[in-house]
Amino acid sequence: MDSPDDRLRGLSCGADAYLTKPIDSRELLLILARLRDREQARQAELAKLAPMAIPSTDAILGDNGLNEAEPPPSTPTGWTLCGASGLLRAPNGTARRISSNERALLMILGQAQGETMSAQTLAQAMNFGDGASHRHRIEVIISRLHRNVEQSTGMHLPLMSVRGSGYCVRDLLLAP
């Protein structure tokens, strides 16, 4: 599992790094520093774009991922996804910050406005490719998203599987 082809495949699937044993601690430290710097640059860029301050994850979510502060209001009958921060707000007012892959998936489905999209189309739109393993990756993202959102908000995300066709999302407002 540490051949150049394996490493290249892992990196092409979106990994920030592909480490194999034994791990050189200097390499690990450089990778972690790069990730930290990238996140700090992203936060600085978001601060420039947003006229209001975007609260940190800790200000919105507690250690258990549940809402502990008052989030911005959501739509009365639907869900709201802030594309810039990745904050998903449920109709009951609770909020959860979602991963970049979850955000990209919901943005794509939200822009389709209730239309069904196949797993293959979603995988291609997310630059995963079109193989069976990439379609499985979509299924894993959706499964984790459902589980995590329901645990943290107490509500079922209206992201539905359409038998034999794909996936669609209803009642999702996309905010900048």
C-alpha atoms as a PDB file:
ATOM      1  CA  MET A   1       0.000   0.000   0.000  1.00  0.00           C
ATOM      2  CA  ASP A   2       2.944   2.375  -0.237  1.00  0.00           C
ATOM      3  CA  SER A   3       3.732   2.143  -3.935  1.00  0.00           C
ATOM      4  CA  PRO A   4       3.975   5.409  -5.882  1.00  0.00           C
ATOM      5  CA  ASP A   5       0.715   4.510  -7.650  1.00  0.00           C
ATOM      6  CA  ASP A   6      -1.081   4.103  -4.301  1.00  0.00           C
ATOM      7  CA  ARG A   7       0.269   7.416  -3.071  1.00  0.00           C
ATOM      8  CA  LEU A   8      -0.713   9.196  -6.283  1.00  0.00           C
ATOM      9  CA  ARG A   9      -4.185   7.647  -6.200  1.00  0.00           C
ATOM     10  CA  GLY A  10      -4.667   8.781  -2.609  1.00  0.00           C
ATOM     11  CA  LEU A  11      -3.537  12.308  -3.404  1.00  0.00           C
ATOM     12  CA  SER A  12      -5.701  12.489  -6.527  1.00  0.00           C
ATOM     13  CA  CYS A  13      -8.747  11.519  -4.434  1.00  0.00           C
ATOM     14  CA  GLY A  14      -8.276  14.641  -2.324  1.00  0.00           C
ATOM     15  CA  ALA A  15      -5.919  13.594   0.466  1.00  0.00           C
ATOM     16  CA  ASP A  16      -3.722  16.393   1.778  1.00  0.00           C
ATOM     17  CA  ALA A  17      -0.959  13.890   2.420  1.00  0.00           C
ATOM     18  CA  TYR A  18      -0.315  10.165   2.092  1.00  0.00           C
ATOM     19  CA  LEU A  19       1.891   8.832   4.851  1.00  0.00           C
ATOM     20  CA  THR A  20       3.268   5.338   5.213  1.00  0.00           C
ATOM     21  CA  LYS A  21       5.105   3.677   8.079  1.00  0.00           C
ATOM     22  CA  PRO A  22       7.646   4.481   9.267  1.00  0.00           C
ATOM     23  CA  ILE A  23       6.586   8.133   9.438  1.00  0.00           C
ATOM     24  CA  ASP A  24       9.312  10.747   9.487  1.00  0.00           C
ATOM     25  CA  SER A  25       8.266  13.107  12.293  1.00  0.00           C
ATOM     26  CA  ARG A  26       9.736  16.085  10.406  1.00  0.00           C
ATOM     27  CA  GLU A  27       7.489  15.330   7.434  1.00  0.00           C
ATOM     28  CA  LEU A  28       4.453  14.992   9.708  1.00  0.00           C
ATOM     29  CA  LEU A  29       5.209  18.322  11.402  1.00  0.00           C
ATOM     30  CA  LEU A  30       5.548  20.076   8.037  1.00  0.00           C
ATOM     31  CA  ILE A  31       2.258  18.615   6.820  1.00  0.00           C
ATOM     32  CA  LEU A  32       0.458  19.699   9.996  1.00  0.00           C
ATOM     33  CA  ALA A  33       1.972  23.190   9.739  1.00  0.00           C
ATOM     34  CA  ARG A  34       0.808  23.435   6.121  1.00  0.00           C
ATOM     35  CA  LEU A  35      -2.731  22.418   7.083  1.00  0.00           C
ATOM     36  CA  ARG A  36      -2.780  24.918   9.960  1.00  0.00           C
ATOM     37  CA  ASP A  37      -1.503  27.728   7.720  1.00  0.00           C
ATOM     38  CA  ARG A  38      -4.100  26.919   5.071  1.00  0.00           C
ATOM     39  CA  GLU A  39      -6.915  26.988   7.638  1.00  0.00           C
ATOM     40  CA  GLN A  40      -5.685  30.288   9.089  1.00  0.00           C
ATOM     41  CA  ALA A  41      -5.524  31.796   5.584  1.00  0.00           C
ATOM     42  CA  ARG A  42      -9.058  30.536   4.879  1.00  0.00           C
ATOM     43  CA  GLN A  43     -10.358  32.089   8.098  1.00  0.00           C
ATOM     44  CA  ALA A  44      -8.633  35.397   7.273  1.00  0.00           C
ATOM     45  CA  GLU A  45     -10.159  35.357   3.783  1.00  0.00           C
ATOM     46  CA  LEU A  46     -13.622  34.680   5.228  1.00  0.00           C
ATOM     47  CA  ALA A  47     -13.189  37.555   7.670  1.00  0.00           C
ATOM     48  CA  LYS A  48     -12.408  39.904   4.752  1.00  0.00           C
ATOM     49  CA  LEU A  49     -15.436  38.758   2.757  1.00  0.00           C
ATOM     50  CA  ALA A  50     -18.000  38.857   5.533  1.00  0.00           C
ATOM     51  CA  PRO A  51     -19.126  42.247   6.840  1.00  0.00           C
ATOM     52  CA  MET A  52     -20.059  40.566  10.114  1.00  0.00           C
ATOM     53  CA  ALA A  53     -17.797  38.339  12.121  1.00  0.00           C
ATOM     54  CA  ILE A  54     -18.221  34.635  11.537  1.00  0.00           C
ATOM     55  CA  PRO A  55     -18.248  32.892  14.893  1.00  0.00           C
ATOM     56  CA  SER A  56     -15.739  30.186  15.496  1.00  0.00           C
ATOM     57  CA  THR A  57     -16.861  26.586  15.604  1.00  0.00           C
ATOM     58  CA  ASP A  58     -16.498  26.595  19.388  1.00  0.00           C
ATOM     59  CA  ALA A  59     -18.816  29.606  19.714  1.00  0.00           C
ATOM     60  CA  ILE A  60     -21.550  27.761  17.817  1.00  0.00           C
ATOM     61  CA  LEU A  61     -20.919  24.148  18.746  1.00  0.00           C
ATOM     62  CA  GLY A  62     -19.970  22.682  22.063  1.00  0.00           C
ATOM     63  CA  ASP A  63     -17.712  19.716  22.671  1.00  0.00           C
ATOM     64  CA  ASN A  64     -20.555  17.374  21.834  1.00  0.00           C
ATOM     65  CA  GLY A  65     -21.372  19.158  18.533  1.00  0.00           C
ATOM     66  CA  LEU A  66     -24.627  20.568  19.891  1.00  0.00           C
ATOM     67  CA  ASN A  67     -25.690  24.169  19.616  1.00  0.00           C
ATOM     68  CA  GLU A  68     -24.718  26.126  22.721  1.00  0.00           C
ATOM     69  CA  ALA A  69     -25.001  29.686  21.409  1.00  0.00           C
ATOM     70  CA  GLU A  70     -27.782  31.386  19.495  1.00  0.00           C
ATOM     71  CA  PRO A  71     -27.202  30.708  15.782  1.00  0.00           C
ATOM     72  CA  PRO A  72     -28.427  33.033  13.052  1.00  0.00           C
ATOM     73  CA  PRO A  73     -32.084  32.370  12.303  1.00  0.00           C
ATOM     74  CA  SER A  74     -33.005  29.657   9.843  1.00  0.00           C
ATOM     75  CA  THR A  75     -35.931  29.666   7.486  1.00  0.00           C
ATOM     76  CA  PRO A  76     -39.180  28.802   9.262  1.00  0.00           C
ATOM     77  CA  THR A  77     -39.872  25.685   7.183  1.00  0.00           C
ATOM     78  CA  GLY A  78     -36.486  24.651   5.873  1.00  0.00           C
ATOM     79  CA  TRP A  79     -32.805  24.236   6.358  1.00  0.00           C
ATOM     80  CA  THR A  80     -30.151  26.881   5.636  1.00  0.00           C
ATOM     81  CA  LEU A  81     -26.589  26.203   4.502  1.00  0.00           C
ATOM     82  CA  CYS A  82     -24.052  29.005   4.631  1.00  0.00           C
ATOM     83  CA  GLY A  83     -21.666  28.208   1.792  1.00  0.00           C
ATOM     84  CA  ALA A  84     -18.813  30.321   3.157  1.00  0.00           C
ATOM     85  CA  SER A  85     -18.710  28.930   6.690  1.00  0.00           C
ATOM     86  CA  GLY A  86     -20.263  25.498   6.176  1.00  0.00           C
ATOM     87  CA  LEU A  87     -22.795  26.154   8.928  1.00  0.00           C
ATOM     88  CA  LEU A  88     -25.966  24.099   8.454  1.00  0.00           C
ATOM     89  CA  ARG A  89     -28.969  25.435  10.398  1.00  0.00           C
ATOM     90  CA  ALA A  90     -32.032  23.304  11.061  1.00  0.00           C
ATOM     91  CA  PRO A  91     -35.581  24.687  11.155  1.00  0.00           C
ATOM     92  CA  ASN A  92     -35.557  24.280  14.956  1.00  0.00           C
ATOM     93  CA  GLY A  93     -32.666  26.781  15.215  1.00  0.00           C
ATOM     94  CA  THR A  94     -29.861  24.346  16.037  1.00  0.00           C
ATOM     95  CA  ALA A  95     -26.729  24.463  13.920  1.00  0.00           C
ATOM     96  CA  ARG A  96     -23.810  22.284  12.954  1.00  0.00           C
ATOM     97  CA  ARG A  97     -20.662  23.043  10.991  1.00  0.00           C
ATOM     98  CA  ILE A  98     -20.230  20.402   8.283  1.00  0.00           C
ATOM     99  CA  SER A  99     -17.129  19.172   6.447  1.00  0.00           C
ATOM    100  CA  SER A 100     -16.015  20.595   3.107  1.00  0.00           C
ATOM    101  CA  ASN A 101     -17.124  17.436   1.266  1.00  0.00           C
ATOM    102  CA  GLU A 102     -20.537  17.528   2.962  1.00  0.00           C
ATOM    103  CA  ARG A 103     -20.831  21.229   2.126  1.00  0.00           C
ATOM    104  CA  ALA A 104     -19.902  20.671  -1.534  1.00  0.00           C
ATOM    105  CA  LEU A 105     -22.411  17.831  -1.821  1.00  0.00           C
ATOM    106  CA  LEU A 106     -25.250  19.871  -0.294  1.00  0.00           C
ATOM    107  CA  MET A 107     -24.364  22.908  -2.422  1.00  0.00           C
ATOM    108  CA  ILE A 108     -24.562  20.816  -5.605  1.00  0.00           C
ATOM    109  CA  LEU A 109     -27.849  19.183  -4.594  1.00  0.00           C
ATOM    110  CA  GLY A 110     -29.264  22.489  -3.305  1.00  0.00           C
ATOM    111  CA  GLN A 111     -28.532  24.197  -6.611  1.00  0.00           C
ATOM    112  CA  ALA A 112     -30.419  21.398  -8.380  1.00  0.00           C
ATOM    113  CA  GLN A 113     -33.552  22.571  -6.482  1.00  0.00           C
ATOM    114  CA  GLY A 114     -35.072  19.205  -5.677  1.00  0.00           C
ATOM    115  CA  GLU A 115     -34.012  17.456  -8.879  1.00  0.00           C
ATOM    116  CA  THR A 116     -32.572  13.967  -8.482  1.00  0.00           C
ATOM    117  CA  MET A 117     -28.864  13.555  -9.234  1.00  0.00           C
ATOM    118  CA  SER A 118     -27.134  10.197  -9.639  1.00  0.00           C
ATOM    119  CA  ALA A 119     -24.205   9.247  -7.408  1.00  0.00           C
ATOM    120  CA  GLN A 120     -22.044   9.153 -10.538  1.00  0.00           C
ATOM    121  CA  THR A 121     -23.037  12.721 -11.475  1.00  0.00           C
ATOM    122  CA  LEU A 122     -22.366  13.893  -7.916  1.00  0.00           C
ATOM    123  CA  ALA A 123     -18.963  12.166  -7.868  1.00  0.00           C
ATOM    124  CA  GLN A 124     -18.019  13.850 -11.146  1.00  0.00           C
ATOM    125  CA  ALA A 125     -19.281  17.252  -9.943  1.00  0.00           C
ATOM    126  CA  MET A 126     -17.137  16.889  -6.821  1.00  0.00           C
ATOM    127  CA  ASN A 127     -14.127  15.884  -8.959  1.00  0.00           C
ATOM    128  CA  PHE A 128     -14.002  12.385  -7.473  1.00  0.00           C
ATOM    129  CA  GLY A 129     -14.190  10.649 -10.853  1.00  0.00           C
ATOM    130  CA  ASP A 130     -16.807   8.208 -12.054  1.00  0.00           C
ATOM    131  CA  GLY A 131     -15.746   4.758 -10.822  1.00  0.00           C
ATOM    132  CA  ALA A 132     -17.730   2.566  -8.449  1.00  0.00           C
ATOM    133  CA  SER A 133     -15.417   3.455  -5.545  1.00  0.00           C
ATOM    134  CA  HIS A 134     -16.147   7.144  -6.085  1.00  0.00           C
ATOM    135  CA  ARG A 135     -19.900   6.495  -6.059  1.00  0.00           C
ATOM    136  CA  HIS A 136     -19.383   4.594  -2.794  1.00  0.00           C
ATOM    137  CA  ARG A 137     -17.545   7.646  -1.454  1.00  0.00           C
ATOM    138  CA  ILE A 138     -20.689   9.721  -2.121  1.00  0.00           C
ATOM    139  CA  GLU A 139     -22.775   7.147  -0.242  1.00  0.00           C
ATOM    140  CA  VAL A 140     -20.400   7.317   2.741  1.00  0.00           C
ATOM    141  CA  ILE A 141     -20.516  11.138   2.819  1.00  0.00           C
ATOM    142  CA  ILE A 142     -24.327  11.069   2.737  1.00  0.00           C
ATOM    143  CA  SER A 143     -24.546   8.402   5.446  1.00  0.00           C
ATOM    144  CA  ARG A 144     -22.223  10.304   7.795  1.00  0.00           C
ATOM    145  CA  LEU A 145     -23.981  13.589   7.070  1.00  0.00           C
ATOM    146  CA  HIS A 146     -27.386  12.101   7.942  1.00  0.00           C
ATOM    147  CA  ARG A 147     -26.073  10.547  11.164  1.00  0.00           C
ATOM    148  CA  ASN A 148     -24.111  13.576  12.387  1.00  0.00           C
ATOM    149  CA  VAL A 149     -26.803  16.126  11.564  1.00  0.00           C
ATOM    150  CA  GLU A 150     -29.545  14.092  13.208  1.00  0.00           C
ATOM    151  CA  GLN A 151     -27.412  13.575  16.335  1.00  0.00           C
ATOM    152  CA  SER A 152     -26.574  17.266  16.681  1.00  0.00           C
ATOM    153  CA  THR A 153     -29.869  18.898  15.624  1.00  0.00           C
ATOM    154  CA  GLY A 154     -32.398  16.234  16.542  1.00  0.00           C
ATOM    155  CA  MET A 155     -33.910  16.586  13.075  1.00  0.00           C
ATOM    156  CA  HIS A 156     -33.761  14.490   9.919  1.00  0.00           C
ATOM    157  CA  LEU A 157     -32.021  16.272   7.029  1.00  0.00           C
ATOM    158  CA  PRO A 158     -34.294  16.211   3.938  1.00  0.00           C
ATOM    159  CA  LEU A 159     -31.586  14.583   1.816  1.00  0.00           C
ATOM    160  CA  MET A 160     -33.310  11.665   0.171  1.00  0.00           C
ATOM    161  CA  SER A 161     -32.312   8.628  -1.807  1.00  0.00           C
ATOM    162  CA  VAL A 162     -34.455   8.036  -4.887  1.00  0.00           C
ATOM    163  CA  ARG A 163     -34.374   4.317  -5.610  1.00  0.00           C
ATOM    164  CA  GLY A 164     -32.507   3.547  -8.815  1.00  0.00           C
ATOM    165  CA  SER A 165     -31.971   7.242  -9.610  1.00  0.00           C
ATOM    166  CA  GLY A 166     -29.799   8.992  -7.065  1.00  0.00           C
ATOM    167  CA  TYR A 167     -30.239  11.687  -4.436  1.00  0.00           C
ATOM    168  CA  CYS A 168     -32.107  14.936  -3.945  1.00  0.00           C
ATOM    169  CA  VAL A 169     -32.515  17.511  -1.201  1.00  0.00           C
ATOM    170  CA  ARG A 170     -35.642  19.513  -0.421  1.00  0.00           C
ATOM    171  CA  ASP A 171     -36.254  22.633   1.675  1.00  0.00           C
ATOM    172  CA  LEU A 172     -32.623  23.795   1.643  1.00  0.00           C
ATOM    173  CA  LEU A 173     -31.855  27.498   1.347  1.00  0.00           C
ATOM    174  CA  LEU A 174     -28.315  28.249   0.164  1.00  0.00           C
ATOM    175  CA  ALA A 175     -26.820  31.375   1.716  1.00  0.00           C
ATOM    176  CA  PRO A 176     -23.528  32.966   0.607  1.00  0.00           C
END
